[in-house]
Amino acid sequence: MSEAIKSMTGYGSAAGKSGDLAVTVEVKSVNNRFLDCSVRIPRVYIFAEDRIKALVQKNVGRGKVDVFVTIDSSAGSDVCVRLNEGVAAAYVAAFEELSAKYELKNDLTAVALGRLPDVFTVERKEVDQESFTADLETIASEALAAFERMRRTEGEKLREDILSKLDRVEELAAQIAALSPKTVEEYRARLEAKLMEVLQTADIDKSRILTEAAIFADKVAVDEELVRLGSHIAQMRDMLAKGGAVGRKLDFLTQELNREANTTGSKCSDVKITALVVDLKAEIEKIREQIQNLE
């Protein structure tokens, strides 16, 4: 059974809860030669970063992946205000002493007392790291699932486009193969006509013409290049059929396609074949650009 072809670009998001906290996870990716994952998460929850990175590494082979974690605590209380009883009692005693000693009215109120330094301490509630990380992993997994669906959809479109372009490459290669023998025949005819013109006689050494034509044919023969081109195309089709993370292998084979096209172009001087080679190279470049998007 074949695996899915995946694009390196994608997006997915999911939202959920961890206790009173509302958590949102977004996953975005663009092309990259290797896997480069960064997790942006509030500093208070940085302890969960490595687990999220490990989760991404299980699902993604290569690409620049950014994970954005947003925490909203407005629905609950993640802070705790504590009364510092010792400090408060000391303030009350000091005010009573002040009132008695100077015969002043003691109108101390709770609000006034609370405004004095260190009467209250504000602390963040202790986060259950393991529980929060487990909840975050669940939400991140949902975001990655959506992310993967988008990558598969884009990957399938890329597969179809690359296959159609490989069909076009084969058509052009077949046209070049058909024109190549005609080029040799035309050269032989031109050579014979030129010799007849120069020597002004029809009595020409036919074996000499055949020898020259054979030498020319050997120089312009592109059979080997076209055979190798066909072999690379077959391998690429096989990889696309099997699926998986084939981007790098396909990229290498595309370089080989381009090499054979360049060699074919350098051997052929015929205008028609040259035009076909130009089209061939343009099509291969389109394939290369598409492959750059594959994982």
Protein backbone atom coordinates (compact mmCIF):
# COMPACT_ATOMS: atom_id res chain seq x y z
CA MET A 1 0.00 0.00 0.00
CA SER A 2 1.39 3.38 -1.01
CA GLU A 3 2.05 6.18 1.46
CA ALA A 4 0.76 9.70 1.06
CA ILE A 5 2.86 12.29 -0.72
CA LYS A 6 3.08 15.37 1.48
CA SER A 7 3.76 19.00 0.73
CA MET A 8 6.19 20.80 3.00
CA THR A 9 3.78 23.71 3.34
CA GLY A 10 0.72 23.44 5.53
CA TYR A 11 -1.38 24.88 8.33
CA GLY A 12 -3.44 23.42 11.13
CA SER A 13 -4.97 24.62 14.39
CA ALA A 14 -6.88 23.30 17.37
CA ALA A 15 -8.23 24.64 20.65
CA GLY A 16 -8.96 23.01 23.98
CA LYS A 17 -8.76 23.35 27.75
CA SER A 18 -6.36 22.52 30.51
CA GLY A 19 -8.15 23.17 33.78
CA ASP A 20 -9.25 26.83 33.71
CA LEU A 21 -6.86 27.63 30.86
CA ALA A 22 -8.03 28.00 27.26
CA VAL A 23 -5.27 26.70 24.98
CA THR A 24 -4.89 27.26 21.22
CA VAL A 25 -2.22 25.61 19.09
CA GLU A 26 -1.37 26.66 15.52
CA VAL A 27 1.08 24.81 13.28
CA LYS A 28 2.53 26.40 10.13
CA SER A 29 5.30 25.22 7.82
CA VAL A 30 7.23 26.33 4.75
CA ASN A 31 9.90 24.70 2.60
CA ASN A 32 13.25 23.92 4.13
CA ARG A 33 16.06 21.51 3.31
CA PHE A 34 15.95 19.92 6.76
CA LEU A 35 13.52 19.86 9.68
CA ASP A 36 13.66 23.11 11.63
CA CYS A 37 11.05 23.31 14.39
CA SER A 38 10.45 26.26 16.70
CA VAL A 39 7.80 26.43 19.44
CA ARG A 40 6.54 29.80 20.63
CA ILE A 41 4.92 29.41 24.03
CA PRO A 42 4.49 31.75 27.05
CA ARG A 43 7.56 31.61 29.23
CA VAL A 44 5.63 30.30 32.25
CA TYR A 45 4.86 27.11 30.27
CA ILE A 46 8.26 26.70 28.61
CA PHE A 47 8.65 23.33 30.37
CA ALA A 48 6.34 21.80 27.74
CA GLU A 49 8.41 22.94 24.73
CA ASP A 50 10.52 19.80 24.28
CA ARG A 51 7.46 17.50 24.34
CA ILE A 52 5.81 19.53 21.58
CA LYS A 53 9.00 19.48 19.49
CA ALA A 54 9.20 15.70 19.88
CA LEU A 55 5.58 15.43 18.72
CA VAL A 56 6.37 17.46 15.59
CA GLN A 57 9.44 15.32 14.83
CA LYS A 58 7.26 12.18 14.82
CA ASN A 59 4.99 13.66 12.15
CA VAL A 60 7.23 15.83 9.98
CA GLY A 61 10.30 14.80 7.97
CA ARG A 62 11.54 18.18 6.81
CA GLY A 63 10.45 21.80 6.49
CA LYS A 64 10.51 24.89 8.68
CA VAL A 65 7.74 24.30 11.21
CA ASP A 66 6.49 26.99 13.59
CA VAL A 67 4.20 26.04 16.47
CA PHE A 68 2.33 28.86 18.21
CA VAL A 69 0.81 28.13 21.64
CA THR A 70 -1.60 30.72 23.05
CA ILE A 71 -2.79 30.51 26.68
CA ASP A 72 -5.87 32.44 27.83
CA SER A 73 -6.41 32.42 31.60
CA SER A 74 -9.20 35.03 31.68
CA ALA A 75 -11.85 32.36 32.27
CA GLY A 76 -10.21 31.27 35.51
CA SER A 77 -7.84 32.51 38.16
CA ASP A 78 -4.20 31.62 37.80
CA VAL A 79 -3.11 33.97 40.62
CA CYS A 80 -3.46 33.69 44.38
CA VAL A 81 -3.53 36.70 46.77
CA ARG A 82 -2.36 35.82 50.28
CA LEU A 83 -2.66 37.86 53.47
CA ASN A 84 0.63 38.30 55.27
CA GLU A 85 -0.85 38.02 58.75
CA GLY A 86 2.32 38.86 60.63
CA VAL A 87 2.83 42.10 58.71
CA ALA A 88 -0.87 43.06 59.01
CA ALA A 89 -0.89 42.43 62.79
CA ALA A 90 2.24 44.53 63.19
CA TYR A 91 0.62 47.42 61.30
CA VAL A 92 -2.57 47.20 63.44
CA ALA A 93 -0.53 47.18 66.65
CA ALA A 94 1.52 50.15 65.49
CA PHE A 95 -1.63 52.16 64.66
CA GLU A 96 -3.18 51.35 68.07
CA GLU A 97 -0.02 52.46 69.81
CA LEU A 98 0.05 55.65 67.73
CA SER A 99 -3.59 56.39 68.56
CA ALA A 100 -3.14 55.82 72.30
CA LYS A 101 0.11 57.70 72.62
CA TYR A 102 -1.02 60.83 70.84
CA GLU A 103 -4.76 60.59 71.59
CA LEU A 104 -5.68 60.28 67.93
CA LYS A 105 -8.76 58.69 66.48
CA ASN A 106 -7.96 55.22 65.20
CA ASP A 107 -9.95 55.06 61.95
CA LEU A 108 -7.93 52.29 60.31
CA THR A 109 -9.95 50.35 57.74
CA ALA A 110 -9.29 47.10 55.95
CA VAL A 111 -8.92 48.95 52.67
CA ALA A 112 -6.40 51.36 54.14
CA LEU A 113 -4.50 48.52 55.76
CA GLY A 114 -4.45 46.55 52.52
CA ARG A 115 -2.75 49.43 50.73
CA LEU A 116 0.26 49.28 53.02
CA PRO A 117 3.43 47.52 51.75
CA ASP A 118 3.67 43.75 52.05
CA VAL A 119 0.24 43.23 53.65
CA PHE A 120 -0.70 41.08 50.67
CA THR A 121 1.49 38.89 48.52
CA VAL A 122 0.41 37.98 44.97
CA GLU A 123 1.46 34.55 43.79
CA ARG A 124 0.75 32.56 40.65
CA LYS A 125 -0.92 29.25 41.25
CA GLU A 126 1.44 26.35 40.88
CA VAL A 127 0.93 24.71 37.49
CA ASP A 128 0.68 20.93 37.41
CA GLN A 129 3.32 20.54 34.73
CA GLU A 130 2.61 16.94 33.80
CA SER A 131 -1.15 17.47 33.58
CA PHE A 132 -0.79 20.66 31.55
CA THR A 133 1.76 19.08 29.19
CA ALA A 134 -0.51 16.07 28.60
CA ASP A 135 -3.45 18.37 27.79
CA LEU A 136 -1.25 20.48 25.52
CA GLU A 137 -0.02 17.38 23.68
CA THR A 138 -3.62 16.33 23.02
CA ILE A 139 -4.48 19.74 21.56
CA ALA A 140 -1.22 19.88 19.59
CA SER A 141 -1.96 16.42 18.16
CA GLU A 142 -5.31 17.68 16.86
CA ALA A 143 -3.60 20.70 15.29
CA LEU A 144 -1.00 18.43 13.69
CA ALA A 145 -3.74 16.16 12.34
CA ALA A 146 -5.34 19.14 10.57
CA PHE A 147 -1.88 20.22 9.44
CA GLU A 148 -1.20 16.74 8.00
CA ARG A 149 -4.52 16.67 6.13
CA MET A 150 -3.66 19.91 4.39
CA ARG A 151 -0.16 18.66 3.55
CA ARG A 152 -1.57 15.44 2.06
CA THR A 153 -4.09 17.36 -0.04
CA GLU A 154 -1.39 19.66 -1.38
CA GLY A 155 0.96 16.71 -1.85
CA GLU A 156 -1.58 14.85 -4.00
CA LYS A 157 -1.99 17.90 -6.22
CA LEU A 158 1.78 18.12 -6.60
CA ARG A 159 2.00 14.41 -7.45
CA GLU A 160 -0.58 14.76 -10.23
CA ASP A 161 1.12 17.85 -11.63
CA ILE A 162 4.57 16.24 -11.62
CA LEU A 163 3.24 13.09 -13.32
CA SER A 164 1.61 15.18 -16.06
CA LYS A 165 4.88 17.02 -16.61
CA LEU A 166 6.79 13.72 -16.78
CA ASP A 167 4.36 12.66 -19.54
CA ARG A 168 5.28 15.81 -21.42
CA VAL A 169 9.00 15.12 -20.95
CA GLU A 170 8.51 11.64 -22.44
CA GLU A 171 6.64 13.10 -25.41
CA LEU A 172 9.46 15.54 -26.12
CA ALA A 173 12.09 12.80 -25.73
CA ALA A 174 10.17 10.62 -28.22
CA GLN A 175 10.08 13.47 -30.72
CA ILE A 176 13.83 13.98 -30.35
CA ALA A 177 14.42 10.25 -30.81
CA ALA A 178 12.34 10.29 -34.01
CA LEU A 179 14.18 13.29 -35.46
CA SER A 180 17.69 12.08 -34.64
CA PRO A 181 18.04 9.52 -37.53
CA LYS A 182 16.63 12.09 -39.96
CA THR A 183 19.36 14.49 -38.90
CA VAL A 184 22.04 11.95 -39.85
CA GLU A 185 20.34 11.22 -43.18
CA GLU A 186 20.07 14.92 -43.96
CA TYR A 187 23.75 15.39 -43.11
CA ARG A 188 24.72 12.55 -45.45
CA ALA A 189 22.64 14.07 -48.24
CA ARG A 190 24.14 17.52 -47.70
CA LEU A 191 27.64 16.09 -47.63
CA GLU A 192 27.09 14.19 -50.87
CA ALA A 193 25.61 17.27 -52.56
CA LYS A 194 28.51 19.42 -51.39
CA LEU A 195 31.11 17.00 -52.69
CA MET A 196 29.34 16.76 -56.04
CA GLU A 197 29.29 20.52 -56.22
CA VAL A 198 32.98 20.84 -55.36
CA LEU A 199 34.20 17.94 -57.49
CA GLN A 200 31.63 18.59 -60.24
CA THR A 201 31.15 14.91 -60.83
CA ALA A 202 28.75 12.21 -59.80
CA ASP A 203 31.60 9.75 -59.46
CA ILE A 204 32.11 10.10 -55.70
CA ASP A 205 33.52 7.57 -53.29
CA LYS A 206 30.35 6.39 -51.58
CA SER A 207 32.26 4.60 -48.86
CA ARG A 208 33.89 7.88 -47.88
CA ILE A 209 30.49 9.53 -47.54
CA LEU A 210 29.19 6.63 -45.47
CA THR A 211 32.25 6.82 -43.21
CA GLU A 212 31.80 10.56 -42.66
CA ALA A 213 28.08 10.05 -42.01
CA ALA A 214 28.88 7.30 -39.51
CA ILE A 215 31.33 9.57 -37.68
CA PHE A 216 28.72 12.33 -37.59
CA ALA A 217 26.05 9.90 -36.41
CA ASP A 218 28.29 8.78 -33.56
CA LYS A 219 28.86 12.39 -32.49
CA VAL A 220 25.19 13.33 -32.50
CA ALA A 221 23.76 10.05 -31.23
CA VAL A 222 21.54 10.68 -28.21
CA ASP A 223 20.23 7.14 -27.76
CA GLU A 224 22.07 6.60 -24.48
CA GLU A 225 20.94 9.95 -23.08
CA LEU A 226 17.32 9.28 -23.99
CA VAL A 227 17.46 5.77 -22.53
CA ARG A 228 18.83 7.14 -19.25
CA LEU A 229 16.20 9.89 -19.36
CA GLY A 230 13.50 7.24 -19.67
CA SER A 231 15.02 5.24 -16.81
CA HIS A 232 15.01 8.29 -14.51
CA ILE A 233 11.39 9.03 -15.42
CA ALA A 234 10.41 5.43 -14.59
CA GLN A 235 12.15 5.69 -11.20
CA MET A 236 10.40 8.96 -10.45
CA ARG A 237 7.01 7.49 -11.31
CA ASP A 238 7.74 4.52 -9.07
CA MET A 239 8.68 6.79 -6.16
CA LEU A 240 5.58 8.92 -6.64
CA ALA A 241 3.45 5.75 -6.67
CA LYS A 242 5.00 4.41 -3.44
CA GLY A 243 4.81 7.81 -1.72
CA GLY A 244 6.36 8.81 1.57
CA ALA A 245 9.14 11.36 2.07
CA VAL A 246 10.59 11.24 -1.46
CA GLY A 247 11.39 14.91 -2.03
CA ARG A 248 15.18 14.61 -1.77
CA LYS A 249 15.39 11.53 -3.99
CA LEU A 250 13.18 13.13 -6.61
CA ASP A 251 15.28 16.27 -6.47
CA PHE A 252 18.41 14.21 -7.23
CA LEU A 253 16.72 12.46 -10.16
CA THR A 254 15.57 15.81 -11.52
CA GLN A 255 19.19 16.93 -11.59
CA GLU A 256 19.97 13.78 -13.59
CA LEU A 257 17.12 14.56 -16.01
CA ASN A 258 18.59 18.00 -16.53
CA ARG A 259 22.05 16.54 -17.09
CA GLU A 260 20.78 14.25 -19.85
CA ALA A 261 18.86 17.13 -21.44
CA ASN A 262 21.99 19.30 -21.44
CA THR A 263 24.08 16.53 -23.03
CA THR A 264 21.41 15.96 -25.67
CA GLY A 265 21.34 19.67 -26.45
CA SER A 266 25.13 19.88 -26.77
CA LYS A 267 25.17 16.98 -29.26
CA CYS A 268 22.39 18.20 -31.54
CA SER A 269 22.81 21.03 -34.02
CA ASP A 270 19.49 20.52 -35.77
CA VAL A 271 17.18 23.50 -35.25
CA LYS A 272 14.10 21.37 -34.63
CA ILE A 273 15.84 19.18 -32.07
CA THR A 274 17.36 22.23 -30.38
CA ALA A 275 13.88 23.73 -30.00
CA LEU A 276 12.64 20.46 -28.51
CA VAL A 277 15.55 20.35 -26.07
CA VAL A 278 14.72 23.90 -24.94
CA ASP A 279 11.13 22.80 -24.26
CA LEU A 280 12.44 19.68 -22.53
CA LYS A 281 14.65 21.67 -20.18
CA ALA A 282 11.82 24.11 -19.44
CA GLU A 283 9.54 21.22 -18.47
CA ILE A 284 12.24 19.67 -16.26
CA GLU A 285 12.70 23.01 -14.51
CA LYS A 286 8.96 23.12 -13.78
CA ILE A 287 9.23 19.63 -12.28
CA ARG A 288 12.19 20.73 -10.15
CA GLU A 289 10.24 23.71 -8.81
CA GLN A 290 7.33 21.49 -7.81
CA ILE A 291 9.58 18.91 -6.16
CA GLN A 292 11.05 21.63 -3.96
CA ASN A 293 7.64 21.69 -2.22
CA LEU A 294 7.62 17.95 -1.39
CA GLU A 295 8.68 16.50 1.94
